[in-house]
Amino acid sequence: MPTELHDKAHIDVFDRAAREHWALRFGVTEERLRKAVRMVGSRVTSVAAYLGHPAR
């Protein structure tokens, strides 16, 4: 997994490593992560807020 994944402002749900990273970080399934991105867009802060997690 690229080291810059955690520094990105957007979540690339088409990249398997990125999906796994963000799903693990937010404690959700990859499907839940995909749904969050569909609902609020790919910005990490928006997805974090939607899922009820701090963006850090």
PDB file of N, CA and C in Angstrom:
ATOM      1  N   MET A   1       0.854  -1.181   0.000  1.00  0.00           N
ATOM      2  CA  MET A   1       0.000   0.000   0.000  1.00  0.00           C
ATOM      3  C   MET A   1       0.894   1.237   0.000  1.00  0.00           C
ATOM      4  N   PRO A   2       0.617   2.195  -0.881  1.00  0.00           N
ATOM      5  CA  PRO A   2       1.408   3.411  -0.918  1.00  0.00           C
ATOM      6  C   PRO A   2       1.317   4.165   0.405  1.00  0.00           C
ATOM      7  N   THR A   3       2.435   4.747   0.817  1.00  0.00           N
ATOM      8  CA  THR A   3       2.456   5.456   2.098  1.00  0.00           C
ATOM      9  C   THR A   3       1.631   6.726   2.068  1.00  0.00           C
ATOM     10  N   GLU A   4       1.376   7.291   0.891  1.00  0.00           N
ATOM     11  CA  GLU A   4       0.622   8.544   0.826  1.00  0.00           C
ATOM     12  C   GLU A   4      -0.878   8.356   0.982  1.00  0.00           C
ATOM     13  N   LEU A   5      -1.369   7.123   1.065  1.00  0.00           N
ATOM     14  CA  LEU A   5      -2.809   6.883   1.184  1.00  0.00           C
ATOM     15  C   LEU A   5      -3.439   7.653   2.334  1.00  0.00           C
ATOM     16  N   HIS A   6      -2.793   7.652   3.478  1.00  0.00           N
ATOM     17  CA  HIS A   6      -3.402   8.296   4.638  1.00  0.00           C
ATOM     18  C   HIS A   6      -3.363   9.820   4.553  1.00  0.00           C
ATOM     19  N   ASP A   7      -2.614  10.363   3.595  1.00  0.00           N
ATOM     20  CA  ASP A   7      -2.507  11.810   3.452  1.00  0.00           C
ATOM     21  C   ASP A   7      -3.440  12.367   2.383  1.00  0.00           C
ATOM     22  N   LYS A   8      -4.097  11.509   1.635  1.00  0.00           N
ATOM     23  CA  LYS A   8      -4.960  11.977   0.555  1.00  0.00           C
ATOM     24  C   LYS A   8      -6.215  12.645   1.102  1.00  0.00           C
ATOM     25  N   ALA A   9      -6.693  13.606   0.360  1.00  0.00           N
ATOM     26  CA  ALA A   9      -7.912  14.307   0.757  1.00  0.00           C
ATOM     27  C   ALA A   9      -9.160  13.596   0.248  1.00  0.00           C
ATOM     28  N   HIS A  10      -8.986  12.670  -0.712  1.00  0.00           N
ATOM     29  CA  HIS A  10     -10.112  11.960  -1.301  1.00  0.00           C
ATOM     30  C   HIS A  10      -9.883  10.450  -1.238  1.00  0.00           C
ATOM     31  N   ILE A  11     -10.969   9.705  -1.166  1.00  0.00           N
ATOM     32  CA  ILE A  11     -10.920   8.249  -1.122  1.00  0.00           C
ATOM     33  C   ILE A  11     -11.189   7.713  -2.519  1.00  0.00           C
ATOM     34  N   ASP A  12     -10.268   6.910  -3.026  1.00  0.00           N
ATOM     35  CA  ASP A  12     -10.435   6.292  -4.343  1.00  0.00           C
ATOM     36  C   ASP A  12     -11.044   4.907  -4.135  1.00  0.00           C
ATOM     37  N   VAL A  13     -12.374   4.806  -4.277  1.00  0.00           N
ATOM     38  CA  VAL A  13     -13.040   3.526  -4.041  1.00  0.00           C
ATOM     39  C   VAL A  13     -12.780   2.514  -5.153  1.00  0.00           C
ATOM     40  N   PHE A  14     -12.147   2.946  -6.232  1.00  0.00           N
ATOM     41  CA  PHE A  14     -11.815   2.027  -7.320  1.00  0.00           C
ATOM     42  C   PHE A  14     -10.460   1.363  -7.106  1.00  0.00           C
ATOM     43  N   ASP A  15      -9.707   1.823  -6.110  1.00  0.00           N
ATOM     44  CA  ASP A  15      -8.408   1.258  -5.771  1.00  0.00           C
ATOM     45  C   ASP A  15      -8.589   0.327  -4.566  1.00  0.00           C
ATOM     46  N   ARG A  16      -8.334  -0.965  -4.759  1.00  0.00           N
ATOM     47  CA  ARG A  16      -8.578  -1.947  -3.697  1.00  0.00           C
ATOM     48  C   ARG A  16      -7.810  -1.630  -2.421  1.00  0.00           C
ATOM     49  N   ALA A  17      -6.533  -1.276  -2.545  1.00  0.00           N
ATOM     50  CA  ALA A  17      -5.723  -0.977  -1.361  1.00  0.00           C
ATOM     51  C   ALA A  17      -6.284   0.237  -0.615  1.00  0.00           C
ATOM     52  N   ALA A  18      -6.724   1.237  -1.361  1.00  0.00           N
ATOM     53  CA  ALA A  18      -7.299   2.427  -0.730  1.00  0.00           C
ATOM     54  C   ALA A  18      -8.602   2.084  -0.011  1.00  0.00           C
ATOM     55  N   ARG A  19      -9.453   1.291  -0.670  1.00  0.00           N
ATOM     56  CA  ARG A  19     -10.715   0.857  -0.023  1.00  0.00           C
ATOM     57  C   ARG A  19     -10.425   0.120   1.272  1.00  0.00           C
ATOM     58  N   GLU A  20      -9.492  -0.819   1.216  1.00  0.00           N
ATOM     59  CA  GLU A  20      -9.160  -1.598   2.417  1.00  0.00           C
ATOM     60  C   GLU A  20      -8.634  -0.688   3.520  1.00  0.00           C
ATOM     61  N   HIS A  21      -7.761   0.225   3.159  1.00  0.00           N
ATOM     62  CA  HIS A  21      -7.169   1.146   4.136  1.00  0.00           C
ATOM     63  C   HIS A  21      -8.244   1.978   4.836  1.00  0.00           C
ATOM     64  N   TRP A  22      -9.101   2.637   4.032  1.00  0.00           N
ATOM     65  CA  TRP A  22     -10.103   3.528   4.607  1.00  0.00           C
ATOM     66  C   TRP A  22     -11.186   2.755   5.345  1.00  0.00           C
ATOM     67  N   ALA A  23     -11.576   1.601   4.851  1.00  0.00           N
ATOM     68  CA  ALA A  23     -12.577   0.788   5.552  1.00  0.00           C
ATOM     69  C   ALA A  23     -12.041   0.383   6.923  1.00  0.00           C
ATOM     70  N   LEU A  24     -10.796  -0.039   6.965  1.00  0.00           N
ATOM     71  CA  LEU A  24     -10.176  -0.417   8.240  1.00  0.00           C
ATOM     72  C   LEU A  24     -10.056   0.794   9.158  1.00  0.00           C
ATOM     73  N   ARG A  25      -9.630   1.904   8.609  1.00  0.00           N
ATOM     74  CA  ARG A  25      -9.455   3.118   9.415  1.00  0.00           C
ATOM     75  C   ARG A  25     -10.774   3.592  10.035  1.00  0.00           C
ATOM     76  N   PHE A  26     -11.862   3.496   9.265  1.00  0.00           N
ATOM     77  CA  PHE A  26     -13.163   3.928   9.778  1.00  0.00           C
ATOM     78  C   PHE A  26     -13.912   2.800  10.484  1.00  0.00           C
ATOM     79  N   GLY A  27     -13.389   1.583  10.429  1.00  0.00           N
ATOM     80  CA  GLY A  27     -14.043   0.466  11.107  1.00  0.00           C
ATOM     81  C   GLY A  27     -15.353   0.055  10.457  1.00  0.00           C
ATOM     82  N   VAL A  28     -15.384   0.117   9.123  1.00  0.00           N
ATOM     83  CA  VAL A  28     -16.591  -0.247   8.377  1.00  0.00           C
ATOM     84  C   VAL A  28     -16.227  -1.242   7.280  1.00  0.00           C
ATOM     85  N   THR A  29     -17.244  -1.853   6.701  1.00  0.00           N
ATOM     86  CA  THR A  29     -17.000  -2.740   5.569  1.00  0.00           C
ATOM     87  C   THR A  29     -16.701  -1.896   4.332  1.00  0.00           C
ATOM     88  N   GLU A  30     -16.118  -2.540   3.331  1.00  0.00           N
ATOM     89  CA  GLU A  30     -15.851  -1.837   2.085  1.00  0.00           C
ATOM     90  C   GLU A  30     -17.155  -1.392   1.435  1.00  0.00           C
ATOM     91  N   GLU A  31     -18.200  -2.195   1.560  1.00  0.00           N
ATOM     92  CA  GLU A  31     -19.494  -1.824   0.994  1.00  0.00           C
ATOM     93  C   GLU A  31     -20.044  -0.578   1.688  1.00  0.00           C
ATOM     94  N   ARG A  32     -19.919  -0.510   3.002  1.00  0.00           N
ATOM     95  CA  ARG A  32     -20.377   0.679   3.748  1.00  0.00           C
ATOM     96  C   ARG A  32     -19.572   1.901   3.324  1.00  0.00           C
ATOM     97  N   LEU A  33     -18.277   1.725   3.108  1.00  0.00           N
ATOM     98  CA  LEU A  33     -17.431   2.819   2.640  1.00  0.00           C
ATOM     99  C   LEU A  33     -17.887   3.292   1.262  1.00  0.00           C
ATOM    100  N   ARG A  34     -18.151   2.357   0.359  1.00  0.00           N
ATOM    101  CA  ARG A  34     -18.640   2.712  -0.986  1.00  0.00           C
ATOM    102  C   ARG A  34     -19.960   3.492  -0.902  1.00  0.00           C
ATOM    103  N   LYS A  35     -20.852   3.032  -0.023  1.00  0.00           N
ATOM    104  CA  LYS A  35     -22.133   3.721   0.135  1.00  0.00           C
ATOM    105  C   LYS A  35     -21.917   5.146   0.643  1.00  0.00           C
ATOM    106  N   ALA A  36     -21.031   5.302   1.605  1.00  0.00           N
ATOM    107  CA  ALA A  36     -20.745   6.636   2.141  1.00  0.00           C
ATOM    108  C   ALA A  36     -20.222   7.557   1.038  1.00  0.00           C
ATOM    109  N   VAL A  37     -19.339   7.044   0.201  1.00  0.00           N
ATOM    110  CA  VAL A  37     -18.798   7.848  -0.897  1.00  0.00           C
ATOM    111  C   VAL A  37     -19.903   8.199  -1.898  1.00  0.00           C
ATOM    112  N   ARG A  38     -20.803   7.255  -2.167  1.00  0.00           N
ATOM    113  CA  ARG A  38     -21.932   7.547  -3.063  1.00  0.00           C
ATOM    114  C   ARG A  38     -22.824   8.640  -2.481  1.00  0.00           C
ATOM    115  N   MET A  39     -23.006   8.626  -1.178  1.00  0.00           N
ATOM    116  CA  MET A  39     -23.913   9.570  -0.525  1.00  0.00           C
ATOM    117  C   MET A  39     -23.323  10.977  -0.394  1.00  0.00           C
ATOM    118  N   VAL A  40     -22.039  11.086  -0.029  1.00  0.00           N
ATOM    119  CA  VAL A  40     -21.468  12.408   0.290  1.00  0.00           C
ATOM    120  C   VAL A  40     -20.261  12.794  -0.543  1.00  0.00           C
ATOM    121  N   GLY A  41     -19.820  11.925  -1.435  1.00  0.00           N
ATOM    122  CA  GLY A  41     -18.636  12.230  -2.228  1.00  0.00           C
ATOM    123  C   GLY A  41     -17.398  11.601  -1.631  1.00  0.00           C
ATOM    124  N   SER A  42     -16.284  11.793  -2.269  1.00  0.00           N
ATOM    125  CA  SER A  42     -15.060  11.075  -1.899  1.00  0.00           C
ATOM    126  C   SER A  42     -14.140  11.822  -0.936  1.00  0.00           C
ATOM    127  N   ARG A  43     -14.478  13.049  -0.563  1.00  0.00           N
ATOM    128  CA  ARG A  43     -13.607  13.796   0.358  1.00  0.00           C
ATOM    129  C   ARG A  43     -13.576  13.087   1.711  1.00  0.00           C
ATOM    130  N   VAL A  44     -12.372  12.865   2.223  1.00  0.00           N
ATOM    131  CA  VAL A  44     -12.181  12.128   3.475  1.00  0.00           C
ATOM    132  C   VAL A  44     -12.975  12.757   4.614  1.00  0.00           C
ATOM    133  N   THR A  45     -12.951  14.079   4.722  1.00  0.00           N
ATOM    134  CA  THR A  45     -13.653  14.730   5.831  1.00  0.00           C
ATOM    135  C   THR A  45     -15.164  14.528   5.731  1.00  0.00           C
ATOM    136  N   SER A  46     -15.697  14.531   4.516  1.00  0.00           N
ATOM    137  CA  SER A  46     -17.135  14.312   4.329  1.00  0.00           C
ATOM    138  C   SER A  46     -17.531  12.881   4.675  1.00  0.00           C
ATOM    139  N   VAL A  47     -16.725  11.927   4.220  1.00  0.00           N
ATOM    140  CA  VAL A  47     -17.000  10.519   4.513  1.00  0.00           C
ATOM    141  C   VAL A  47     -16.881  10.267   6.017  1.00  0.00           C
ATOM    142  N   ALA A  48     -15.865  10.833   6.629  1.00  0.00           N
ATOM    143  CA  ALA A  48     -15.678  10.670   8.074  1.00  0.00           C
ATOM    144  C   ALA A  48     -16.887  11.195   8.846  1.00  0.00           C
ATOM    145  N   ALA A  49     -17.351  12.387   8.464  1.00  0.00           N
ATOM    146  CA  ALA A  49     -18.526  12.972   9.133  1.00  0.00           C
ATOM    147  C   ALA A  49     -19.751  12.102   8.926  1.00  0.00           C
ATOM    148  N   TYR A  50     -19.952  11.613   7.719  1.00  0.00           N
ATOM    149  CA  TYR A  50     -21.090  10.748   7.410  1.00  0.00           C
ATOM    150  C   TYR A  50     -21.063   9.493   8.263  1.00  0.00           C
ATOM    151  N   LEU A  51     -19.871   8.942   8.460  1.00  0.00           N
ATOM    152  CA  LEU A  51     -19.724   7.706   9.233  1.00  0.00           C
ATOM    153  C   LEU A  51     -19.612   7.964  10.735  1.00  0.00           C
ATOM    154  N   GLY A  52     -19.560   9.237  11.118  1.00  0.00           N
ATOM    155  CA  GLY A  52     -19.479   9.576  12.536  1.00  0.00           C
ATOM    156  C   GLY A  52     -18.110   9.388  13.138  1.00  0.00           C
ATOM    157  N   HIS A  53     -17.078   9.594  12.334  1.00  0.00           N
ATOM    158  CA  HIS A  53     -15.692   9.435  12.794  1.00  0.00           C
ATOM    159  C   HIS A  53     -14.918  10.729  12.578  1.00  0.00           C
ATOM    160  N   PRO A  54     -13.949  11.003  13.457  1.00  0.00           N
ATOM    161  CA  PRO A  54     -13.083  12.159  13.209  1.00  0.00           C
ATOM    162  C   PRO A  54     -12.204  11.887  11.989  1.00  0.00           C
ATOM    163  N   ALA A  55     -11.949  12.881  11.187  1.00  0.00           N
ATOM    164  CA  ALA A  55     -11.161  12.713   9.949  1.00  0.00           C
ATOM    165  C   ALA A  55      -9.680  12.543  10.220  1.00  0.00           C
ATOM    166  N   ARG A  56      -9.196  13.102  11.278  1.00  0.00           N
ATOM    167  CA  ARG A  56      -7.774  13.084  11.649  1.00  0.00           C
ATOM    168  C   ARG A  56      -6.914  13.476  10.508  1.00  0.00           C
TER     169      ARG A  56
END
